[in-house]
């Protein structure tokens, strides 16, 4: 019963088929192949407006290169204190930007609000003595499994624009959010003022295939050059491009995410007495206590502890490929704790 992370899941059969098809003959390198050339049009159709798309091999690279295009070395990125860019990227956003500072905000469910953004800007308003806030970065879904609604995105976008800040979305689990909301991808991106999106695919069935989706086309040239300088212009870019095309063109991304979300909902019903937060996506946070977590592990469950050491809290992540039998077995284990 592996609920450690959706990073542990295999690649989807449709993704492997796309890789096999693209492997049949030589093709031009460095994004000049037919698959890479289709990306901009395919994603423009998905988002209902013209975009530029840049493939990279990891979510960390997507976040860092995107943010570096918007934030100077003396600038600041406003984000939640639990954001992946703050806790899990080894300083990569600071490195890629040449030294930009992260301004950390508190927030329930690892979210931020327009009010907290305003406070973060005010905290750095000492002229030449302060870093200059240049971007807001949010995670969709958040590191606590919460989802920003279109209205929440729009409110943050309005606040960002009022302060002349770019708005970036870390979309490692963007598919899970869109599947749960049932809205158009545009509704939680550019229509709400989002300038840059790190579009995740690896957690949801792909294989080292992520993308930077650029809604602000004026940033495209800089992103292209920063991607090359940062070592993420893949020479055989067709393998990433083919995966992303297979991912979005027939709705595979939402199909896989919906399955993970639904199984998480079912698991959440059994975990209800112990939930730290409501189940909104494919992540569950439970707090039954350290002794109960030990019993779950003894029963064969695998997961990460969460929160401060000894908090008795854990994170369970349901992947697109999770077996229904595992979910049922975990439901039984959770029921045995009562």
C-alpha atoms as a PDB file:
ATOM      1  CA  UNK A   1       0.000   0.000   0.000  1.00  0.00           C
ATOM      2  CA  UNK A   2       2.230   2.739  -1.329  1.00  0.00           C
ATOM      3  CA  UNK A   3       0.839   6.194  -0.563  1.00  0.00           C
ATOM      4  CA  UNK A   4       4.202   7.961  -0.330  1.00  0.00           C
ATOM      5  CA  UNK A   5       3.931  10.113  -3.451  1.00  0.00           C
ATOM      6  CA  UNK A   6       2.528  10.223  -6.959  1.00  0.00           C
ATOM      7  CA  UNK A   7       6.190  10.473  -8.003  1.00  0.00           C
ATOM      8  CA  UNK A   8       6.405   6.730  -7.350  1.00  0.00           C
ATOM      9  CA  UNK A   9       3.780   5.886  -9.991  1.00  0.00           C
ATOM     10  CA  UNK A  10       4.757   4.345 -13.348  1.00  0.00           C
ATOM     11  CA  UNK A  11       4.340   6.045 -16.691  1.00  0.00           C
ATOM     12  CA  UNK A  12       0.903   5.670 -18.259  1.00  0.00           C
ATOM     13  CA  UNK A  13       0.563   3.209 -21.179  1.00  0.00           C
ATOM     14  CA  UNK A  14      -0.529   6.028 -23.493  1.00  0.00           C
ATOM     15  CA  UNK A  15       2.651   7.915 -22.633  1.00  0.00           C
ATOM     16  CA  UNK A  16       4.820   4.880 -23.320  1.00  0.00           C
ATOM     17  CA  UNK A  17       3.040   4.395 -26.640  1.00  0.00           C
ATOM     18  CA  UNK A  18       3.792   8.002 -27.584  1.00  0.00           C
ATOM     19  CA  UNK A  19       7.446   7.501 -26.699  1.00  0.00           C
ATOM     20  CA  UNK A  20       7.594   4.333 -28.783  1.00  0.00           C
ATOM     21  CA  UNK A  21       6.042   6.073 -31.781  1.00  0.00           C
ATOM     22  CA  UNK A  22       8.460   8.979 -31.636  1.00  0.00           C
ATOM     23  CA  UNK A  23      11.400   6.589 -31.410  1.00  0.00           C
ATOM     24  CA  UNK A  24      10.921   5.027 -34.842  1.00  0.00           C
ATOM     25  CA  UNK A  25      13.088   7.394 -36.905  1.00  0.00           C
ATOM     26  CA  UNK A  26      15.590  10.249 -36.626  1.00  0.00           C
ATOM     27  CA  UNK A  27      14.270  13.750 -36.009  1.00  0.00           C
ATOM     28  CA  UNK A  28      15.724  17.239 -35.760  1.00  0.00           C
ATOM     29  CA  UNK A  29      17.209  18.155 -32.347  1.00  0.00           C
ATOM     30  CA  UNK A  30      16.696  21.048 -29.924  1.00  0.00           C
ATOM     31  CA  UNK A  31      12.982  21.594 -30.468  1.00  0.00           C
ATOM     32  CA  UNK A  32      13.051  21.632 -34.255  1.00  0.00           C
ATOM     33  CA  UNK A  33      11.241  18.298 -34.529  1.00  0.00           C
ATOM     34  CA  UNK A  34       7.567  18.046 -35.623  1.00  0.00           C
ATOM     35  CA  UNK A  35       6.307  17.203 -32.113  1.00  0.00           C
ATOM     36  CA  UNK A  36       8.007  20.155 -30.435  1.00  0.00           C
ATOM     37  CA  UNK A  37       6.766  22.464 -33.190  1.00  0.00           C
ATOM     38  CA  UNK A  38       3.169  21.441 -32.390  1.00  0.00           C
ATOM     39  CA  UNK A  39       3.387  22.278 -28.700  1.00  0.00           C
ATOM     40  CA  UNK A  40       2.578  25.978 -28.921  1.00  0.00           C
ATOM     41  CA  UNK A  41      -0.538  25.349 -31.016  1.00  0.00           C
ATOM     42  CA  UNK A  42      -1.714  22.431 -28.867  1.00  0.00           C
ATOM     43  CA  UNK A  43      -1.373  24.337 -25.611  1.00  0.00           C
ATOM     44  CA  UNK A  44      -2.836  27.489 -27.182  1.00  0.00           C
ATOM     45  CA  UNK A  45      -5.933  25.448 -28.018  1.00  0.00           C
ATOM     46  CA  UNK A  46      -6.048  24.034 -24.499  1.00  0.00           C
ATOM     47  CA  UNK A  47      -5.813  27.463 -22.872  1.00  0.00           C
ATOM     48  CA  UNK A  48      -7.927  29.275 -25.467  1.00  0.00           C
ATOM     49  CA  UNK A  49      -5.301  31.900 -26.272  1.00  0.00           C
ATOM     50  CA  UNK A  50      -1.830  32.150 -27.765  1.00  0.00           C
ATOM     51  CA  UNK A  51       0.890  30.815 -25.479  1.00  0.00           C
ATOM     52  CA  UNK A  52       4.518  29.764 -25.724  1.00  0.00           C
ATOM     53  CA  UNK A  53       5.583  26.432 -24.270  1.00  0.00           C
ATOM     54  CA  UNK A  54       9.044  25.354 -23.104  1.00  0.00           C
ATOM     55  CA  UNK A  55       9.714  21.758 -22.103  1.00  0.00           C
ATOM     56  CA  UNK A  56      12.072  20.951 -19.228  1.00  0.00           C
ATOM     57  CA  UNK A  57      12.933  17.781 -17.360  1.00  0.00           C
ATOM     58  CA  UNK A  58      11.782  18.684 -13.848  1.00  0.00           C
ATOM     59  CA  UNK A  59       9.313  20.785 -11.928  1.00  0.00           C
ATOM     60  CA  UNK A  60      12.160  22.503 -10.099  1.00  0.00           C
ATOM     61  CA  UNK A  61      13.580  23.646 -13.430  1.00  0.00           C
ATOM     62  CA  UNK A  62      10.172  24.834 -14.613  1.00  0.00           C
ATOM     63  CA  UNK A  63       9.607  26.872 -11.456  1.00  0.00           C
ATOM     64  CA  UNK A  64      13.103  28.290 -11.294  1.00  0.00           C
ATOM     65  CA  UNK A  65      13.473  29.267 -14.942  1.00  0.00           C
ATOM     66  CA  UNK A  66       9.987  30.778 -15.056  1.00  0.00           C
ATOM     67  CA  UNK A  67      10.527  32.821 -11.902  1.00  0.00           C
ATOM     68  CA  UNK A  68      14.004  33.927 -12.972  1.00  0.00           C
ATOM     69  CA  UNK A  69      12.446  35.449 -16.094  1.00  0.00           C
ATOM     70  CA  UNK A  70      10.294  37.661 -13.867  1.00  0.00           C
ATOM     71  CA  UNK A  71      12.526  38.461 -10.895  1.00  0.00           C
ATOM     72  CA  UNK A  72      15.906  40.263 -10.841  1.00  0.00           C
ATOM     73  CA  UNK A  73      18.698  39.291  -8.404  1.00  0.00           C
ATOM     74  CA  UNK A  74      17.645  42.129  -6.061  1.00  0.00           C
ATOM     75  CA  UNK A  75      13.994  41.111  -6.319  1.00  0.00           C
ATOM     76  CA  UNK A  76      11.663  39.029  -4.185  1.00  0.00           C
ATOM     77  CA  UNK A  77       9.217  36.202  -4.781  1.00  0.00           C
ATOM     78  CA  UNK A  78       6.201  36.176  -2.479  1.00  0.00           C
ATOM     79  CA  UNK A  79       4.950  32.683  -1.625  1.00  0.00           C
ATOM     80  CA  UNK A  80       3.521  30.522   1.139  1.00  0.00           C
ATOM     81  CA  UNK A  81       5.980  29.305   3.763  1.00  0.00           C
ATOM     82  CA  UNK A  82       5.185  25.699   2.799  1.00  0.00           C
ATOM     83  CA  UNK A  83       5.642  26.215  -0.951  1.00  0.00           C
ATOM     84  CA  UNK A  84       7.716  23.707  -2.858  1.00  0.00           C
ATOM     85  CA  UNK A  85       9.985  26.514  -4.050  1.00  0.00           C
ATOM     86  CA  UNK A  86      10.689  27.376  -0.403  1.00  0.00           C
ATOM     87  CA  UNK A  87      11.021  23.913   1.121  1.00  0.00           C
ATOM     88  CA  UNK A  88      11.965  21.390  -1.549  1.00  0.00           C
ATOM     89  CA  UNK A  89      14.098  22.944  -4.268  1.00  0.00           C
ATOM     90  CA  UNK A  90      17.463  23.400  -2.558  1.00  0.00           C
ATOM     91  CA  UNK A  91      17.550  27.136  -3.294  1.00  0.00           C
ATOM     92  CA  UNK A  92      17.107  26.638  -7.046  1.00  0.00           C
ATOM     93  CA  UNK A  93      14.802  29.682  -7.522  1.00  0.00           C
ATOM     94  CA  UNK A  94      17.368  31.850  -5.758  1.00  0.00           C
ATOM     95  CA  UNK A  95      20.180  30.272  -7.788  1.00  0.00           C
ATOM     96  CA  UNK A  96      18.517  30.623 -11.199  1.00  0.00           C
ATOM     97  CA  UNK A  97      17.491  34.224 -10.488  1.00  0.00           C
ATOM     98  CA  UNK A  98      20.961  35.191  -9.294  1.00  0.00           C
ATOM     99  CA  UNK A  99      19.958  35.747  -5.686  1.00  0.00           C
ATOM    100  CA  UNK A 100      16.306  36.779  -5.451  1.00  0.00           C
ATOM    101  CA  UNK A 101      14.790  36.434  -1.982  1.00  0.00           C
ATOM    102  CA  UNK A 102      11.698  34.428  -1.030  1.00  0.00           C
ATOM    103  CA  UNK A 103       9.228  36.355   1.129  1.00  0.00           C
ATOM    104  CA  UNK A 104       7.317  33.699   3.079  1.00  0.00           C
ATOM    105  CA  UNK A 105       3.678  34.075   4.081  1.00  0.00           C
ATOM    106  CA  UNK A 106       1.498  32.041   6.412  1.00  0.00           C
ATOM    107  CA  UNK A 107      -1.813  30.674   5.215  1.00  0.00           C
ATOM    108  CA  UNK A 108      -4.298  27.894   5.893  1.00  0.00           C
ATOM    109  CA  UNK A 109      -3.979  24.951   3.533  1.00  0.00           C
ATOM    110  CA  UNK A 110      -0.656  26.394   2.293  1.00  0.00           C
ATOM    111  CA  UNK A 111      -2.579  29.107   0.456  1.00  0.00           C
ATOM    112  CA  UNK A 112      -1.924  32.819   0.339  1.00  0.00           C
ATOM    113  CA  UNK A 113      -4.464  35.646   0.075  1.00  0.00           C
ATOM    114  CA  UNK A 114      -4.485  39.128  -1.450  1.00  0.00           C
ATOM    115  CA  UNK A 115      -4.256  40.539   2.081  1.00  0.00           C
ATOM    116  CA  UNK A 116      -1.148  38.496   2.875  1.00  0.00           C
ATOM    117  CA  UNK A 117       0.436  39.496  -0.439  1.00  0.00           C
ATOM    118  CA  UNK A 118      -0.194  43.127   0.460  1.00  0.00           C
ATOM    119  CA  UNK A 119       1.508  42.561   3.812  1.00  0.00           C
ATOM    120  CA  UNK A 120       4.472  40.880   2.109  1.00  0.00           C
ATOM    121  CA  UNK A 121       4.908  43.837  -0.191  1.00  0.00           C
ATOM    122  CA  UNK A 122       4.654  46.304   2.691  1.00  0.00           C
ATOM    123  CA  UNK A 123       7.251  44.309   4.629  1.00  0.00           C
ATOM    124  CA  UNK A 124       9.745  45.120   1.874  1.00  0.00           C
ATOM    125  CA  UNK A 125       9.066  48.804   1.300  1.00  0.00           C
ATOM    126  CA  UNK A 126      12.266  50.364   2.617  1.00  0.00           C
ATOM    127  CA  UNK A 127      13.406  51.628  -0.764  1.00  0.00           C
ATOM    128  CA  UNK A 128      16.961  50.786  -1.725  1.00  0.00           C
ATOM    129  CA  UNK A 129      17.418  48.903   1.555  1.00  0.00           C
ATOM    130  CA  UNK A 130      14.803  46.262   0.723  1.00  0.00           C
ATOM    131  CA  UNK A 131      14.509  43.621  -1.925  1.00  0.00           C
ATOM    132  CA  UNK A 132      11.989  44.642  -4.559  1.00  0.00           C
ATOM    133  CA  UNK A 133       8.965  42.307  -4.740  1.00  0.00           C
ATOM    134  CA  UNK A 134       8.624  41.212  -8.360  1.00  0.00           C
ATOM    135  CA  UNK A 135       6.497  38.043  -8.391  1.00  0.00           C
ATOM    136  CA  UNK A 136       3.885  36.063  -6.517  1.00  0.00           C
ATOM    137  CA  UNK A 137       4.119  32.286  -6.732  1.00  0.00           C
ATOM    138  CA  UNK A 138       1.308  29.934  -5.727  1.00  0.00           C
ATOM    139  CA  UNK A 139       0.954  26.151  -5.941  1.00  0.00           C
ATOM    140  CA  UNK A 140      -2.065  24.561  -7.604  1.00  0.00           C
ATOM    141  CA  UNK A 141      -2.825  22.257  -5.902  1.00  0.00           C
ATOM    142  CA  UNK A 142      -1.037  23.424  -2.770  1.00  0.00           C
ATOM    143  CA  UNK A 143       1.408  21.414  -0.715  1.00  0.00           C
ATOM    144  CA  UNK A 144      -1.492  20.759   1.658  1.00  0.00           C
ATOM    145  CA  UNK A 145      -3.805  19.489  -1.059  1.00  0.00           C
ATOM    146  CA  UNK A 146      -5.939  22.642  -1.235  1.00  0.00           C
ATOM    147  CA  UNK A 147      -7.212  24.105  -4.504  1.00  0.00           C
ATOM    148  CA  UNK A 148      -7.462  27.752  -5.536  1.00  0.00           C
ATOM    149  CA  UNK A 149     -10.821  28.515  -7.136  1.00  0.00           C
ATOM    150  CA  UNK A 150     -11.090  30.769 -10.198  1.00  0.00           C
ATOM    151  CA  UNK A 151     -12.318  33.581  -7.924  1.00  0.00           C
ATOM    152  CA  UNK A 152      -9.330  33.172  -5.605  1.00  0.00           C
ATOM    153  CA  UNK A 153      -6.921  33.199  -8.548  1.00  0.00           C
ATOM    154  CA  UNK A 154      -8.573  36.324  -9.945  1.00  0.00           C
ATOM    155  CA  UNK A 155      -8.310  38.096  -6.592  1.00  0.00           C
ATOM    156  CA  UNK A 156      -4.617  37.256  -6.353  1.00  0.00           C
ATOM    157  CA  UNK A 157      -4.098  38.303  -9.955  1.00  0.00           C
ATOM    158  CA  UNK A 158      -5.721  41.654  -9.269  1.00  0.00           C
ATOM    159  CA  UNK A 159      -3.524  42.214  -6.215  1.00  0.00           C
ATOM    160  CA  UNK A 160      -0.411  41.181  -8.111  1.00  0.00           C
ATOM    161  CA  UNK A 161      -1.131  43.582 -10.951  1.00  0.00           C
ATOM    162  CA  UNK A 162      -1.882  46.400  -8.491  1.00  0.00           C
ATOM    163  CA  UNK A 163       1.629  45.938  -7.139  1.00  0.00           C
ATOM    164  CA  UNK A 164       3.244  45.344 -10.564  1.00  0.00           C
ATOM    165  CA  UNK A 165       4.074  41.742  -9.693  1.00  0.00           C
ATOM    166  CA  UNK A 166       4.103  38.766 -12.047  1.00  0.00           C
ATOM    167  CA  UNK A 167       1.849  35.862 -11.001  1.00  0.00           C
ATOM    168  CA  UNK A 168       3.346  32.377 -11.304  1.00  0.00           C
ATOM    169  CA  UNK A 169       1.633  29.049 -10.670  1.00  0.00           C
ATOM    170  CA  UNK A 170       3.552  25.945  -9.633  1.00  0.00           C
ATOM    171  CA  UNK A 171       1.278  23.428 -11.337  1.00  0.00           C
ATOM    172  CA  UNK A 172       2.968  20.169 -10.391  1.00  0.00           C
ATOM    173  CA  UNK A 173      -0.557  18.876  -9.673  1.00  0.00           C
ATOM    174  CA  UNK A 174      -2.386  21.332 -11.927  1.00  0.00           C
ATOM    175  CA  UNK A 175      -4.309  18.461 -13.572  1.00  0.00           C
ATOM    176  CA  UNK A 176      -5.740  17.374 -10.223  1.00  0.00           C
ATOM    177  CA  UNK A 177      -6.952  20.906  -9.545  1.00  0.00           C
ATOM    178  CA  UNK A 178      -8.605  21.379 -12.943  1.00  0.00           C
ATOM    179  CA  UNK A 179     -10.202  17.928 -12.761  1.00  0.00           C
ATOM    180  CA  UNK A 180     -11.590  18.679  -9.309  1.00  0.00           C
ATOM    181  CA  UNK A 181     -12.875  22.136 -10.237  1.00  0.00           C
ATOM    182  CA  UNK A 182     -14.385  21.042 -13.544  1.00  0.00           C
ATOM    183  CA  UNK A 183     -13.473  24.400 -15.046  1.00  0.00           C
ATOM    184  CA  UNK A 184     -11.576  25.434 -18.162  1.00  0.00           C
ATOM    185  CA  UNK A 185      -7.789  25.614 -17.677  1.00  0.00           C
ATOM    186  CA  UNK A 186      -8.017  29.260 -18.727  1.00  0.00           C
ATOM    187  CA  UNK A 187     -10.262  30.021 -15.761  1.00  0.00           C
ATOM    188  CA  UNK A 188      -7.498  29.313 -13.255  1.00  0.00           C
ATOM    189  CA  UNK A 189      -4.651  30.798 -15.288  1.00  0.00           C
ATOM    190  CA  UNK A 190      -4.571  33.791 -17.627  1.00  0.00           C
ATOM    191  CA  UNK A 191      -8.196  34.823 -17.133  1.00  0.00           C
ATOM    192  CA  UNK A 192      -7.299  35.318 -13.490  1.00  0.00           C
ATOM    193  CA  UNK A 193      -4.107  37.216 -14.239  1.00  0.00           C
ATOM    194  CA  UNK A 194      -1.568  34.364 -14.289  1.00  0.00           C
ATOM    195  CA  UNK A 195       1.534  35.180 -16.332  1.00  0.00           C
ATOM    196  CA  UNK A 196       3.506  31.945 -15.992  1.00  0.00           C
ATOM    197  CA  UNK A 197       2.528  28.340 -15.323  1.00  0.00           C
ATOM    198  CA  UNK A 198       4.758  25.400 -14.486  1.00  0.00           C
ATOM    199  CA  UNK A 199       2.654  22.687 -16.106  1.00  0.00           C
ATOM    200  CA  UNK A 200       3.260  19.360 -14.391  1.00  0.00           C
ATOM    201  CA  UNK A 201       2.927  15.977 -16.077  1.00  0.00           C
ATOM    202  CA  UNK A 202       5.452  13.701 -14.381  1.00  0.00           C
ATOM    203  CA  UNK A 203       3.371  13.122 -11.237  1.00  0.00           C
ATOM    204  CA  UNK A 204       0.371  12.261 -13.397  1.00  0.00           C
ATOM    205  CA  UNK A 205       1.680   9.594 -15.753  1.00  0.00           C
ATOM    206  CA  UNK A 206       4.508  11.163 -17.747  1.00  0.00           C
ATOM    207  CA  UNK A 207       8.251  10.532 -17.647  1.00  0.00           C
ATOM    208  CA  UNK A 208      10.511  13.534 -16.884  1.00  0.00           C
ATOM    209  CA  UNK A 209       8.259  15.825 -18.928  1.00  0.00           C
ATOM    210  CA  UNK A 210       7.312  19.240 -17.546  1.00  0.00           C
ATOM    211  CA  UNK A 211       6.601  22.527 -19.276  1.00  0.00           C
ATOM    212  CA  UNK A 212       6.695  26.262 -18.724  1.00  0.00           C
ATOM    213  CA  UNK A 213       3.554  27.791 -20.222  1.00  0.00           C
ATOM    214  CA  UNK A 214       4.126  31.473 -20.907  1.00  0.00           C
ATOM    215  CA  UNK A 215       0.979  33.619 -21.140  1.00  0.00           C
ATOM    216  CA  UNK A 216       2.953  36.869 -21.142  1.00  0.00           C
ATOM    217  CA  UNK A 217       4.583  36.509 -24.551  1.00  0.00           C
ATOM    218  CA  UNK A 218       7.026  39.337 -23.864  1.00  0.00           C
ATOM    219  CA  UNK A 219       8.840  36.964 -21.503  1.00  0.00           C
ATOM    220  CA  UNK A 220       9.232  34.154 -24.041  1.00  0.00           C
ATOM    221  CA  UNK A 221      12.634  35.118 -25.425  1.00  0.00           C
ATOM    222  CA  UNK A 222      14.153  35.384 -21.963  1.00  0.00           C
ATOM    223  CA  UNK A 223      12.690  32.039 -20.912  1.00  0.00           C
ATOM    224  CA  UNK A 224      14.113  30.418 -24.045  1.00  0.00           C
ATOM    225  CA  UNK A 225      17.590  31.720 -23.283  1.00  0.00           C
ATOM    226  CA  UNK A 226      17.424  30.954 -19.567  1.00  0.00           C
ATOM    227  CA  UNK A 227      16.301  27.412 -20.372  1.00  0.00           C
ATOM    228  CA  UNK A 228      19.342  26.923 -22.615  1.00  0.00           C
ATOM    229  CA  UNK A 229      21.711  28.566 -20.144  1.00  0.00           C
ATOM    230  CA  UNK A 230      20.234  26.464 -17.331  1.00  0.00           C
ATOM    231  CA  UNK A 231      20.859  23.204 -19.166  1.00  0.00           C
ATOM    232  CA  UNK A 232      17.246  22.307 -19.949  1.00  0.00           C
ATOM    233  CA  UNK A 233      17.074  22.716 -23.717  1.00  0.00           C
ATOM    234  CA  UNK A 234      16.863  18.987 -24.389  1.00  0.00           C
ATOM    235  CA  UNK A 235      18.679  17.847 -27.519  1.00  0.00           C
ATOM    236  CA  UNK A 236      16.085  15.102 -28.102  1.00  0.00           C
ATOM    237  CA  UNK A 237      13.201  17.336 -27.151  1.00  0.00           C
ATOM    238  CA  UNK A 238      10.755  15.270 -29.183  1.00  0.00           C
ATOM    239  CA  UNK A 239      10.524  12.721 -26.363  1.00  0.00           C
ATOM    240  CA  UNK A 240       9.213  15.301 -23.898  1.00  0.00           C
ATOM    241  CA  UNK A 241       7.039  16.985 -26.534  1.00  0.00           C
ATOM    242  CA  UNK A 242       5.412  13.734 -27.641  1.00  0.00           C
ATOM    243  CA  UNK A 243       4.495  12.927 -24.046  1.00  0.00           C
ATOM    244  CA  UNK A 244       2.903  16.312 -23.471  1.00  0.00           C
ATOM    245  CA  UNK A 245       0.922  16.072 -26.700  1.00  0.00           C
ATOM    246  CA  UNK A 246      -0.364  12.634 -25.741  1.00  0.00           C
ATOM    247  CA  UNK A 247      -1.112  14.009 -22.285  1.00  0.00           C
ATOM    248  CA  UNK A 248      -3.363  16.891 -23.347  1.00  0.00           C
ATOM    249  CA  UNK A 249      -4.743  16.271 -26.818  1.00  0.00           C
ATOM    250  CA  UNK A 250      -7.271  13.565 -25.918  1.00  0.00           C
ATOM    251  CA  UNK A 251      -7.932  14.568 -22.324  1.00  0.00           C
ATOM    252  CA  UNK A 252      -5.604  11.952 -20.832  1.00  0.00           C
ATOM    253  CA  UNK A 253      -4.302  14.424 -18.246  1.00  0.00           C
ATOM    254  CA  UNK A 254      -7.770  14.974 -16.775  1.00  0.00           C
ATOM    255  CA  UNK A 255      -8.743  11.298 -17.011  1.00  0.00           C
ATOM    256  CA  UNK A 256      -5.729  10.215 -14.956  1.00  0.00           C
ATOM    257  CA  UNK A 257      -6.093  13.059 -12.463  1.00  0.00           C
ATOM    258  CA  UNK A 258      -9.812  12.411 -12.017  1.00  0.00           C
ATOM    259  CA  UNK A 259      -9.134   8.777 -11.180  1.00  0.00           C
ATOM    260  CA  UNK A 260      -6.585   9.751  -8.531  1.00  0.00           C
ATOM    261  CA  UNK A 261      -8.912  12.398  -7.090  1.00  0.00           C
ATOM    262  CA  UNK A 262     -11.849  10.000  -6.883  1.00  0.00           C
ATOM    263  CA  UNK A 263      -9.861   7.290  -5.116  1.00  0.00           C
ATOM    264  CA  UNK A 264      -8.540   9.906  -2.694  1.00  0.00           C
ATOM    265  CA  UNK A 265     -12.124  10.949  -1.974  1.00  0.00           C
ATOM    266  CA  UNK A 266     -13.077   7.335  -1.239  1.00  0.00           C
ATOM    267  CA  UNK A 267     -10.051   6.926   1.006  1.00  0.00           C
ATOM    268  CA  UNK A 268     -10.905  10.207   2.691  1.00  0.00           C
ATOM    269  CA  UNK A 269     -14.302   8.865   3.739  1.00  0.00           C
ATOM    270  CA  UNK A 270     -12.584   6.181   5.815  1.00  0.00           C
ATOM    271  CA  UNK A 271     -10.016   8.675   7.102  1.00  0.00           C
ATOM    272  CA  UNK A 272     -12.653  11.253   8.069  1.00  0.00           C
ATOM    273  CA  UNK A 273     -12.088  11.077  11.869  1.00  0.00           C
ATOM    274  CA  UNK A 274      -8.404  11.864  11.392  1.00  0.00           C
ATOM    275  CA  UNK A 275      -8.353  14.399   8.547  1.00  0.00           C
ATOM    276  CA  UNK A 276      -6.295  17.544   9.158  1.00  0.00           C
ATOM    277  CA  UNK A 277      -7.846  19.236   6.124  1.00  0.00           C
ATOM    278  CA  UNK A 278     -10.707  18.496   3.736  1.00  0.00           C
ATOM    279  CA  UNK A 279      -9.817  16.233   0.801  1.00  0.00           C
ATOM    280  CA  UNK A 280      -9.889  18.412  -2.318  1.00  0.00           C
ATOM    281  CA  UNK A 281      -7.487  16.638  -4.658  1.00  0.00           C
ATOM    282  CA  UNK A 282      -5.351  13.482  -4.568  1.00  0.00           C
ATOM    283  CA  UNK A 283      -3.599  14.288  -1.277  1.00  0.00           C
ATOM    284  CA  UNK A 284      -4.874  13.452   2.193  1.00  0.00           C
ATOM    285  CA  UNK A 285      -3.483  14.690   5.484  1.00  0.00           C
ATOM    286  CA  UNK A 286      -4.360  12.667   8.555  1.00  0.00           C
ATOM    287  CA  UNK A 287      -3.452  13.181  12.214  1.00  0.00           C
ATOM    288  CA  UNK A 288      -4.317  10.047  14.187  1.00  0.00           C
ATOM    289  CA  UNK A 289      -1.208  10.251  16.392  1.00  0.00           C
ATOM    290  CA  UNK A 290       2.210   8.617  16.300  1.00  0.00           C
ATOM    291  CA  UNK A 291       1.025   5.310  17.750  1.00  0.00           C
ATOM    292  CA  UNK A 292      -1.728   4.975  15.167  1.00  0.00           C
ATOM    293  CA  UNK A 293       0.676   5.806  12.332  1.00  0.00           C
ATOM    294  CA  UNK A 294       2.957   3.032  13.557  1.00  0.00           C
ATOM    295  CA  UNK A 295       0.009   0.609  13.408  1.00  0.00           C
ATOM    296  CA  UNK A 296      -0.734   1.651   9.837  1.00  0.00           C
ATOM    297  CA  UNK A 297       2.858   0.929   8.871  1.00  0.00           C
ATOM    298  CA  UNK A 298       2.762  -2.409  10.641  1.00  0.00           C
ATOM    299  CA  UNK A 299      -0.281  -3.224   8.511  1.00  0.00           C
ATOM    300  CA  UNK A 300       1.695  -2.603   5.316  1.00  0.00           C
ATOM    301  CA  UNK A 301       0.985   1.059   4.570  1.00  0.00           C
ATOM    302  CA  UNK A 302       3.776   3.294   3.278  1.00  0.00           C
ATOM    303  CA  UNK A 303       3.562   7.096   3.532  1.00  0.00           C
ATOM    304  CA  UNK A 304       5.447  10.176   4.654  1.00  0.00           C
ATOM    305  CA  UNK A 305       5.169  11.697   8.112  1.00  0.00           C
ATOM    306  CA  UNK A 306       4.149  15.357   7.866  1.00  0.00           C
ATOM    307  CA  UNK A 307       4.259  18.429  10.027  1.00  0.00           C
ATOM    308  CA  UNK A 308       6.703  18.919  12.924  1.00  0.00           C
ATOM    309  CA  UNK A 309       8.543  15.840  14.208  1.00  0.00           C
ATOM    310  CA  UNK A 310       6.357  13.839  16.548  1.00  0.00           C
ATOM    311  CA  UNK A 311       3.171  15.598  15.445  1.00  0.00           C
ATOM    312  CA  UNK A 312       1.449  12.326  14.616  1.00  0.00           C
ATOM    313  CA  UNK A 313       0.440  13.673  11.214  1.00  0.00           C
ATOM    314  CA  UNK A 314       0.993  12.008   7.844  1.00  0.00           C
ATOM    315  CA  UNK A 315       0.423  12.641   4.146  1.00  0.00           C
ATOM    316  CA  UNK A 316      -1.195  10.045   1.907  1.00  0.00           C
ATOM    317  CA  UNK A 317      -0.979  10.611  -1.843  1.00  0.00           C
ATOM    318  CA  UNK A 318      -3.114   8.634  -4.274  1.00  0.00           C
ATOM    319  CA  UNK A 319      -1.610   8.283  -7.747  1.00  0.00           C
ATOM    320  CA  UNK A 320      -3.295   7.800 -11.112  1.00  0.00           C
ATOM    321  CA  UNK A 321      -2.224   4.139 -11.064  1.00  0.00           C
ATOM    322  CA  UNK A 322      -3.228   3.311  -7.497  1.00  0.00           C
ATOM    323  CA  UNK A 323      -4.870  -0.094  -7.332  1.00  0.00           C
ATOM    324  CA  UNK A 324      -8.404  -0.132  -5.971  1.00  0.00           C
ATOM    325  CA  UNK A 325      -7.406  -3.077  -3.742  1.00  0.00           C
ATOM    326  CA  UNK A 326      -4.779  -0.910  -2.052  1.00  0.00           C
ATOM    327  CA  UNK A 327      -7.347   1.783  -1.331  1.00  0.00           C
ATOM    328  CA  UNK A 328      -9.764  -0.754   0.120  1.00  0.00           C
ATOM    329  CA  UNK A 329      -7.032  -2.330   2.242  1.00  0.00           C
ATOM    330  CA  UNK A 330      -6.035   1.105   3.538  1.00  0.00           C
ATOM    331  CA  UNK A 331      -9.660   1.874   4.319  1.00  0.00           C
ATOM    332  CA  UNK A 332      -9.746  -1.284   6.413  1.00  0.00           C
ATOM    333  CA  UNK A 333      -6.589  -0.317   8.262  1.00  0.00           C
ATOM    334  CA  UNK A 334      -7.981   3.131   9.026  1.00  0.00           C
ATOM    335  CA  UNK A 335     -11.216   1.595  10.292  1.00  0.00           C
ATOM    336  CA  UNK A 336      -9.224  -0.681  12.621  1.00  0.00           C
ATOM    337  CA  UNK A 337      -7.835   2.375  14.423  1.00  0.00           C
ATOM    338  CA  UNK A 338     -11.227   3.326  15.849  1.00  0.00           C
END
